[in-house]
Amino acid sequence: MIPAHVIIFYLNVVIILPGLQMVTGFAIFF
């Protein structure tokens, strides 16, 4: 059984990090 905080942390990493890379990519592009 995986602890809930581990799942939440993993989801945050998977969802937020690509989003931040997209934002920084757009900031650099524009």
Protein backbone atom coordinates (compact mmCIF):
# COMPACT_ATOMS: atom_id res chain seq x y z
CA MET A 1 0.00 0.00 0.00
CA ILE A 2 1.44 3.33 -1.12
CA PRO A 3 0.99 6.28 1.28
CA ALA A 4 -1.34 8.99 0.01
CA HIS A 5 1.29 11.74 0.36
CA VAL A 6 3.63 9.80 -1.93
CA ILE A 7 0.91 9.60 -4.60
CA ILE A 8 0.09 13.30 -4.20
CA PHE A 9 3.79 14.23 -4.41
CA TYR A 10 4.24 12.07 -7.53
CA LEU A 11 1.18 13.60 -9.19
CA ASN A 12 2.40 17.10 -8.33
CA VAL A 13 5.79 16.34 -9.91
CA VAL A 14 4.23 14.79 -13.01
CA ILE A 15 1.66 17.58 -13.51
CA ILE A 16 3.45 20.72 -12.27
CA LEU A 17 6.97 20.21 -13.63
CA PRO A 18 5.92 19.85 -17.31
CA GLY A 19 3.65 22.89 -16.80
CA LEU A 20 6.55 24.94 -15.44
CA GLN A 21 8.74 23.85 -18.36
CA MET A 22 6.00 24.94 -20.77
CA VAL A 23 5.67 28.33 -19.01
CA THR A 24 9.43 28.94 -18.99
CA GLY A 25 9.59 27.76 -22.60
CA PHE A 26 6.94 30.28 -23.62
CA ALA A 27 8.68 33.01 -21.59
CA ILE A 28 11.96 32.32 -23.39
CA PHE A 29 10.25 31.98 -26.77
CA PHE A 30 8.40 35.29 -26.45
